[in-house]
Amino acid sequence: MTLFRNTALLSLAVMAAALSGCASTPDPAKVCTAEWIAPRADRAVDRIETRAKRSLKTLKKAGDSWSTGKTPGPFTMLALSSSMKSLEKELKNGRGMRDLKTLAATCDDPKLVSDAMGRFLREQGLPDQMIEFVEGLQIYQNLLAAPIESQVSSNNAPIEPTRHSMMHH
């Protein structure tokens, strides 16, 4: 019986040590190096890209039209509105954005989110004019800046560009 009790106590001690290791928060000074951050940010952005591919394709199409001085047609505008709503939903509730924000919070670097998203939009081939427009939207800025636990915007206004707003950016 003593062997069983000792084995049980040893097992409990090992489990407690393992659990305490899981519960600890990494020390930003030790882990937040460029080599540590880059793969985690890339993985988070890849998740966003996977979920937002269709929305980004529509954004690119509309951005290409505007950058050449053309106004997208009504079907493109309708698709753009729907794409912006879908992108907003992904930025509010998607795991990729939560992971980016967790990384930014861990490393105490709020710019990490906006920098990663800016790089991401450029990698998608969006024209600079469209990127500047999206980055200038207040709701986009709010979504990037919102703490992880308050992803639901207090201002539930959807991201919906108008022809007028896009033509002047």
Protein backbone atom coordinates (compact mmCIF):
# COMPACT_ATOMS: atom_id res chain seq x y z
CA MET A 1 0.00 0.00 0.00
CA THR A 2 2.91 2.35 0.70
CA LEU A 3 4.25 1.86 -2.83
CA PHE A 4 0.84 2.79 -4.25
CA ARG A 5 0.64 5.89 -2.02
CA ASN A 6 4.16 7.00 -2.94
CA THR A 7 3.47 6.46 -6.66
CA ALA A 8 0.21 8.43 -6.37
CA LEU A 9 1.95 11.28 -4.54
CA LEU A 10 4.77 11.35 -7.11
CA SER A 11 2.21 11.41 -9.93
CA LEU A 12 0.36 14.30 -8.30
CA ALA A 13 3.60 16.23 -7.82
CA VAL A 14 4.59 15.75 -11.48
CA MET A 15 1.11 16.84 -12.66
CA ALA A 16 1.19 19.91 -10.39
CA ALA A 17 4.60 20.90 -11.73
CA ALA A 18 3.43 20.42 -15.32
CA LEU A 19 0.27 22.45 -14.74
CA SER A 20 2.14 25.28 -13.06
CA GLY A 21 4.43 25.45 -16.08
CA CYS A 22 1.43 25.74 -18.41
CA ALA A 23 -0.14 28.49 -16.36
CA SER A 24 2.88 30.75 -16.41
CA THR A 25 3.03 33.71 -18.75
CA PRO A 26 6.16 34.03 -20.88
CA ASP A 27 8.56 36.78 -19.88
CA PRO A 28 8.41 39.28 -22.80
CA ALA A 29 12.04 40.27 -22.30
CA LYS A 30 13.10 36.67 -22.88
CA VAL A 31 10.73 35.50 -25.63
CA CYS A 32 9.78 38.56 -27.68
CA THR A 33 12.57 38.45 -30.20
CA ALA A 34 12.04 38.93 -33.93
CA GLU A 35 12.78 35.22 -34.42
CA TRP A 36 10.09 34.26 -31.91
CA ILE A 37 7.47 36.77 -33.07
CA ALA A 38 7.75 36.31 -36.86
CA PRO A 39 6.50 32.71 -37.20
CA ARG A 40 3.65 33.32 -34.76
CA ALA A 41 2.55 36.49 -36.54
CA ASP A 42 2.83 34.72 -39.90
CA ARG A 43 0.68 31.84 -38.65
CA ALA A 44 -1.96 34.26 -37.36
CA VAL A 45 -2.00 36.20 -40.64
CA ASP A 46 -2.25 32.92 -42.59
CA ARG A 47 -5.40 32.11 -40.62
CA ILE A 48 -6.88 35.49 -41.52
CA GLU A 49 -5.93 35.02 -45.18
CA THR A 50 -7.54 31.58 -45.34
CA ARG A 51 -10.81 32.91 -43.95
CA ALA A 52 -10.85 36.22 -45.85
CA LYS A 53 -9.63 35.15 -49.32
CA ARG A 54 -12.89 35.91 -51.12
CA SER A 55 -13.27 39.30 -49.43
CA LEU A 56 -9.74 40.27 -50.36
CA LYS A 57 -10.27 39.28 -53.98
CA THR A 58 -13.26 41.63 -54.17
CA LEU A 59 -11.32 44.42 -52.44
CA LYS A 60 -8.50 44.01 -54.93
CA LYS A 61 -10.88 44.13 -57.90
CA ALA A 62 -12.54 47.32 -56.67
CA GLY A 63 -9.19 48.85 -55.73
CA ASP A 64 -7.79 48.12 -59.18
CA SER A 65 -10.78 49.90 -60.76
CA TRP A 66 -10.40 52.95 -58.55
CA SER A 67 -6.65 53.13 -59.03
CA THR A 68 -7.15 53.37 -62.79
CA GLY A 69 -9.75 56.12 -62.37
CA LYS A 70 -12.75 53.89 -63.10
CA THR A 71 -15.79 53.54 -60.90
CA PRO A 72 -16.73 49.92 -60.17
CA GLY A 73 -20.14 48.85 -61.40
CA PRO A 74 -23.15 48.19 -59.17
CA PHE A 75 -22.44 44.45 -58.87
CA THR A 76 -18.87 45.10 -57.77
CA MET A 77 -20.10 47.68 -55.26
CA LEU A 78 -22.63 45.19 -53.86
CA ALA A 79 -19.93 42.52 -53.64
CA LEU A 80 -17.61 45.06 -52.02
CA SER A 81 -20.16 45.87 -49.34
CA SER A 82 -20.67 42.19 -48.59
CA SER A 83 -16.91 41.58 -48.57
CA MET A 84 -16.32 44.40 -46.12
CA LYS A 85 -18.93 42.92 -43.76
CA SER A 86 -17.29 39.51 -44.03
CA LEU A 87 -13.84 40.98 -43.39
CA GLU A 88 -15.19 42.89 -40.39
CA LYS A 89 -16.62 39.66 -38.98
CA GLU A 90 -13.28 37.90 -39.42
CA LEU A 91 -11.40 40.75 -37.73
CA LYS A 92 -13.88 40.77 -34.83
CA ASN A 93 -14.22 37.05 -34.23
CA GLY A 94 -11.49 35.23 -36.12
CA ARG A 95 -8.82 33.17 -34.44
CA GLY A 96 -6.06 34.78 -36.50
CA MET A 97 -6.84 38.24 -35.13
CA ARG A 98 -7.15 36.88 -31.58
CA ASP A 99 -3.75 35.23 -32.00
CA LEU A 100 -2.19 38.48 -33.29
CA LYS A 101 -3.65 40.41 -30.37
CA THR A 102 -2.45 37.81 -27.88
CA LEU A 103 1.01 38.06 -29.38
CA ALA A 104 0.89 41.87 -29.19
CA ALA A 105 -0.28 41.72 -25.57
CA THR A 106 2.37 39.15 -24.63
CA CYS A 107 5.12 41.30 -26.12
CA ASP A 108 3.54 44.59 -25.02
CA ASP A 109 3.66 45.87 -28.61
CA PRO A 110 0.28 47.15 -29.86
CA LYS A 111 1.78 48.12 -33.25
CA LEU A 112 2.46 44.46 -33.95
CA VAL A 113 -1.18 44.00 -35.06
CA SER A 114 -1.38 46.99 -37.41
CA ASP A 115 2.07 46.29 -38.86
CA ALA A 116 1.19 42.64 -39.57
CA MET A 117 -2.14 43.60 -41.14
CA GLY A 118 -0.53 46.32 -43.30
CA ARG A 119 2.06 43.83 -44.59
CA PHE A 120 -0.71 41.33 -45.19
CA LEU A 121 -2.80 43.75 -47.27
CA ARG A 122 0.25 44.64 -49.38
CA GLU A 123 1.09 40.97 -49.92
CA GLN A 124 -2.45 40.48 -51.22
CA GLY A 125 -1.67 42.89 -54.04
CA LEU A 126 -4.14 45.57 -52.99
CA PRO A 127 -3.37 48.95 -54.53
CA ASP A 128 -1.88 51.46 -52.08
CA GLN A 129 -4.97 53.64 -52.51
CA MET A 130 -7.23 50.80 -51.29
CA ILE A 131 -4.90 49.97 -48.39
CA GLU A 132 -4.86 53.60 -47.29
CA PHE A 133 -8.65 53.69 -47.51
CA VAL A 134 -9.09 50.51 -45.42
CA GLU A 135 -6.46 51.60 -42.87
CA GLY A 136 -8.19 54.98 -42.62
CA LEU A 137 -11.57 53.50 -41.71
CA GLN A 138 -12.32 54.21 -38.05
CA ILE A 139 -14.00 50.85 -37.55
CA TYR A 140 -10.92 49.06 -38.96
CA GLN A 141 -8.70 50.98 -36.55
CA ASN A 142 -11.08 50.16 -33.68
CA LEU A 143 -11.06 46.45 -34.58
CA LEU A 144 -7.27 46.35 -34.58
CA ALA A 145 -6.97 48.30 -31.34
CA ALA A 146 -9.76 46.55 -29.39
CA PRO A 147 -8.60 44.33 -26.55
CA ILE A 148 -9.14 40.61 -27.12
CA GLU A 149 -12.01 40.34 -24.64
CA SER A 150 -14.01 43.21 -26.17
CA GLN A 151 -14.05 42.15 -29.81
CA VAL A 152 -17.68 43.15 -30.21
CA SER A 153 -17.68 46.79 -31.20
CA SER A 154 -19.77 49.12 -29.09
CA ASN A 155 -20.54 50.87 -32.34
CA ASN A 156 -21.94 48.04 -34.44
CA ALA A 157 -21.74 50.12 -37.58
CA PRO A 158 -20.68 47.86 -40.44
CA ILE A 159 -17.79 48.69 -42.70
CA GLU A 160 -19.56 49.81 -45.86
CA PRO A 161 -17.72 52.02 -48.28
CA THR A 162 -19.63 54.28 -50.56
CA ARG A 163 -18.64 55.23 -54.07
CA HIS A 164 -18.15 58.78 -52.86
CA SER A 165 -15.77 57.83 -50.03
CA MET A 166 -13.68 55.56 -52.24
CA MET A 167 -13.35 58.05 -55.07
CA HIS A 168 -11.83 60.66 -52.76
CA HIS A 169 -9.13 58.43 -51.25
